[in-house]
N, C-alpha and C. Protein backbone atom coordinates (compact mmCIF):
# COMPACT_ATOMS: atom_id res chain seq x y z
N MET A 1 115.13 187.21 187.66
CA MET A 1 115.09 187.92 186.39
C MET A 1 116.39 188.69 186.15
N LEU A 2 116.83 189.46 187.16
CA LEU A 2 118.06 190.25 187.00
C LEU A 2 119.28 189.35 186.82
N ALA A 3 119.30 188.25 187.55
CA ALA A 3 120.42 187.32 187.42
C ALA A 3 120.46 186.72 186.02
N ALA A 4 119.30 186.46 185.45
CA ALA A 4 119.24 185.93 184.09
C ALA A 4 119.77 186.94 183.08
N VAL A 5 119.45 188.21 183.29
CA VAL A 5 119.95 189.26 182.40
C VAL A 5 121.48 189.34 182.50
N ALA A 6 122.00 189.33 183.72
CA ALA A 6 123.45 189.37 183.91
C ALA A 6 124.11 188.16 183.25
N GLY A 7 123.50 187.00 183.42
CA GLY A 7 124.03 185.79 182.79
C GLY A 7 123.97 185.86 181.28
N GLY A 8 122.90 186.43 180.76
CA GLY A 8 122.77 186.58 179.31
C GLY A 8 123.82 187.52 178.73
N VAL A 9 124.06 188.62 179.43
CA VAL A 9 125.08 189.56 178.98
C VAL A 9 126.45 188.89 179.01
N LEU A 10 126.73 188.16 180.07
CA LEU A 10 128.00 187.45 180.18
C LEU A 10 128.15 186.44 179.04
N ALA A 11 127.08 185.73 178.74
CA ALA A 11 127.12 184.74 177.66
C ALA A 11 127.42 185.41 176.32
N VAL A 12 126.79 186.55 176.06
CA VAL A 12 127.05 187.28 174.81
C VAL A 12 128.52 187.71 174.75
N GLN A 13 129.03 188.19 175.87
CA GLN A 13 130.43 188.59 175.90
C GLN A 13 131.36 187.42 175.59
N LEU A 14 131.10 186.29 176.23
CA LEU A 14 131.99 185.13 176.07
C LEU A 14 131.86 184.45 174.72
N ILE A 15 130.64 184.37 174.20
CA ILE A 15 130.39 183.61 172.98
C ILE A 15 130.55 184.44 171.72
N VAL A 16 130.21 185.73 171.80
CA VAL A 16 130.22 186.57 170.60
C VAL A 16 131.38 187.56 170.59
N VAL A 17 131.47 188.37 171.62
CA VAL A 17 132.38 189.51 171.58
C VAL A 17 133.84 189.11 171.79
N ARG A 18 134.11 188.28 172.79
CA ARG A 18 135.51 187.93 173.06
C ARG A 18 136.20 187.23 171.90
N PRO A 19 135.53 186.29 171.20
CA PRO A 19 136.21 185.70 170.04
C PRO A 19 136.56 186.74 168.97
N LEU A 20 135.69 187.73 168.78
CA LEU A 20 136.00 188.79 167.82
C LEU A 20 137.21 189.60 168.27
N LEU A 21 137.27 189.90 169.56
CA LEU A 21 138.42 190.63 170.09
C LEU A 21 139.70 189.81 169.97
N THR A 22 139.58 188.51 170.19
CA THR A 22 140.75 187.63 170.08
C THR A 22 141.27 187.59 168.65
N ARG A 23 140.35 187.50 167.68
CA ARG A 23 140.77 187.50 166.27
C ARG A 23 141.49 188.79 165.91
N ARG A 24 140.96 189.90 166.40
CA ARG A 24 141.59 191.20 166.12
C ARG A 24 142.98 191.26 166.77
N THR A 25 143.09 190.80 168.00
CA THR A 25 144.39 190.79 168.68
C THR A 25 145.39 189.92 167.92
N ASP A 26 144.95 188.75 167.49
CA ASP A 26 145.83 187.86 166.73
C ASP A 26 146.31 188.53 165.44
N ALA A 27 145.41 189.25 164.77
CA ALA A 27 145.78 189.95 163.54
C ALA A 27 146.83 191.03 163.81
N VAL A 28 146.64 191.76 164.88
CA VAL A 28 147.61 192.81 165.24
C VAL A 28 148.96 192.19 165.57
N LEU A 29 148.95 191.08 166.30
CA LEU A 29 150.21 190.42 166.66
C LEU A 29 150.92 189.84 165.45
N ARG A 30 150.17 189.48 164.40
CA ARG A 30 150.76 188.99 163.15
C ARG A 30 151.36 190.14 162.34
N GLY A 31 151.05 191.36 162.71
CA GLY A 31 151.56 192.51 161.97
C GLY A 31 150.55 193.09 161.00
N ASP A 32 149.37 192.52 160.94
CA ASP A 32 148.32 193.08 160.09
C ASP A 32 147.83 194.38 160.70
N ALA A 33 147.24 195.19 159.87
CA ALA A 33 146.66 196.45 160.36
C ALA A 33 145.16 196.40 160.08
N PRO A 34 144.40 195.75 160.97
CA PRO A 34 142.96 195.67 160.73
C PRO A 34 142.31 197.04 160.78
N SER A 35 141.23 197.17 160.05
CA SER A 35 140.50 198.44 160.03
C SER A 35 139.87 198.69 161.40
N GLY A 36 139.34 199.88 161.56
CA GLY A 36 138.71 200.24 162.83
C GLY A 36 137.62 199.26 163.22
N SER A 37 137.45 199.08 164.51
CA SER A 37 136.46 198.14 165.00
C SER A 37 135.74 198.74 166.19
N ARG A 38 134.46 198.46 166.28
CA ARG A 38 133.68 198.92 167.42
C ARG A 38 133.44 197.79 168.42
N THR A 39 134.13 196.69 168.22
CA THR A 39 133.94 195.53 169.08
C THR A 39 134.30 195.83 170.53
N HIS A 40 135.38 196.58 170.72
CA HIS A 40 135.79 196.91 172.08
C HIS A 40 134.75 197.80 172.75
N LEU A 41 134.18 198.72 172.00
CA LEU A 41 133.12 199.57 172.55
C LEU A 41 131.90 198.73 172.93
N ALA A 42 131.59 197.73 172.12
CA ALA A 42 130.47 196.85 172.45
C ALA A 42 130.75 196.09 173.74
N TYR A 43 131.99 195.64 173.91
CA TYR A 43 132.36 194.93 175.14
C TYR A 43 132.21 195.84 176.35
N VAL A 44 132.68 197.07 176.23
CA VAL A 44 132.57 198.03 177.34
C VAL A 44 131.11 198.34 177.63
N ALA A 45 130.30 198.51 176.59
CA ALA A 45 128.88 198.78 176.80
C ALA A 45 128.21 197.62 177.52
N LEU A 46 128.53 196.40 177.14
CA LEU A 46 127.97 195.24 177.82
C LEU A 46 128.44 195.17 179.27
N GLU A 47 129.68 195.56 179.53
CA GLU A 47 130.18 195.60 180.91
C GLU A 47 129.38 196.60 181.74
N LEU A 48 129.07 197.75 181.15
CA LEU A 48 128.29 198.75 181.87
C LEU A 48 126.87 198.26 182.15
N VAL A 49 126.28 197.58 181.18
CA VAL A 49 124.95 197.00 181.40
C VAL A 49 125.02 195.98 182.52
N LYS A 50 126.02 195.12 182.47
CA LYS A 50 126.19 194.09 183.49
C LYS A 50 126.40 194.72 184.87
N LEU A 51 127.19 195.78 184.93
CA LEU A 51 127.41 196.48 186.20
C LEU A 51 126.11 197.02 186.77
N GLY A 52 125.31 197.66 185.93
CA GLY A 52 124.03 198.19 186.39
C GLY A 52 123.10 197.09 186.88
N VAL A 53 123.05 196.00 186.15
CA VAL A 53 122.19 194.88 186.54
C VAL A 53 122.66 194.26 187.86
N LEU A 54 123.97 194.11 188.02
CA LEU A 54 124.48 193.53 189.26
C LEU A 54 124.26 194.46 190.45
N ILE A 55 124.36 195.76 190.25
CA ILE A 55 124.05 196.70 191.33
C ILE A 55 122.58 196.59 191.70
N ALA A 56 121.71 196.55 190.69
CA ALA A 56 120.27 196.40 190.95
C ALA A 56 119.99 195.08 191.66
N LEU A 57 120.67 194.03 191.26
CA LEU A 57 120.49 192.72 191.90
C LEU A 57 120.93 192.78 193.36
N GLY A 58 122.04 193.44 193.62
CA GLY A 58 122.50 193.59 195.00
C GLY A 58 121.54 194.38 195.85
N ILE A 59 121.01 195.46 195.30
CA ILE A 59 120.03 196.27 196.03
C ILE A 59 118.79 195.46 196.32
N THR A 60 118.34 194.70 195.33
CA THR A 60 117.16 193.85 195.51
C THR A 60 117.42 192.78 196.57
N ALA A 61 118.59 192.17 196.51
CA ALA A 61 118.91 191.10 197.46
C ALA A 61 119.00 191.62 198.89
N LEU A 62 119.48 192.85 199.05
CA LEU A 62 119.60 193.43 200.38
C LEU A 62 118.30 194.05 200.87
N GLY A 63 117.34 194.16 199.98
CA GLY A 63 116.04 194.73 200.36
C GLY A 63 116.09 196.22 200.60
N ILE A 64 117.03 196.89 199.97
CA ILE A 64 117.15 198.34 200.13
C ILE A 64 116.07 199.01 199.28
N THR A 65 115.33 199.89 199.92
CA THR A 65 114.30 200.64 199.19
C THR A 65 114.53 202.12 199.39
N ALA A 66 113.99 202.90 198.50
CA ALA A 66 114.11 204.35 198.60
C ALA A 66 113.28 204.84 199.77
N ALA A 67 113.78 205.86 200.45
CA ALA A 67 113.03 206.44 201.57
C ALA A 67 111.78 207.11 201.02
N ALA A 68 110.65 206.83 201.67
CA ALA A 68 109.38 207.38 201.19
C ALA A 68 109.08 208.69 201.86
């Protein structure tokens, strides 16, 4: 389940967010001044979600449990 969530987040980043960031970068390199964008914040938020999921996956895989 956790691996599927991490994979889903990665897919959203690759299919949705990165192309938007690439278009914005291309516009800046052309000399255009695009308006403000929250796309980078969305990418960072997805990275944080992915980090949390991967940490949880690692804890689960190692069988680490909280001391009772």
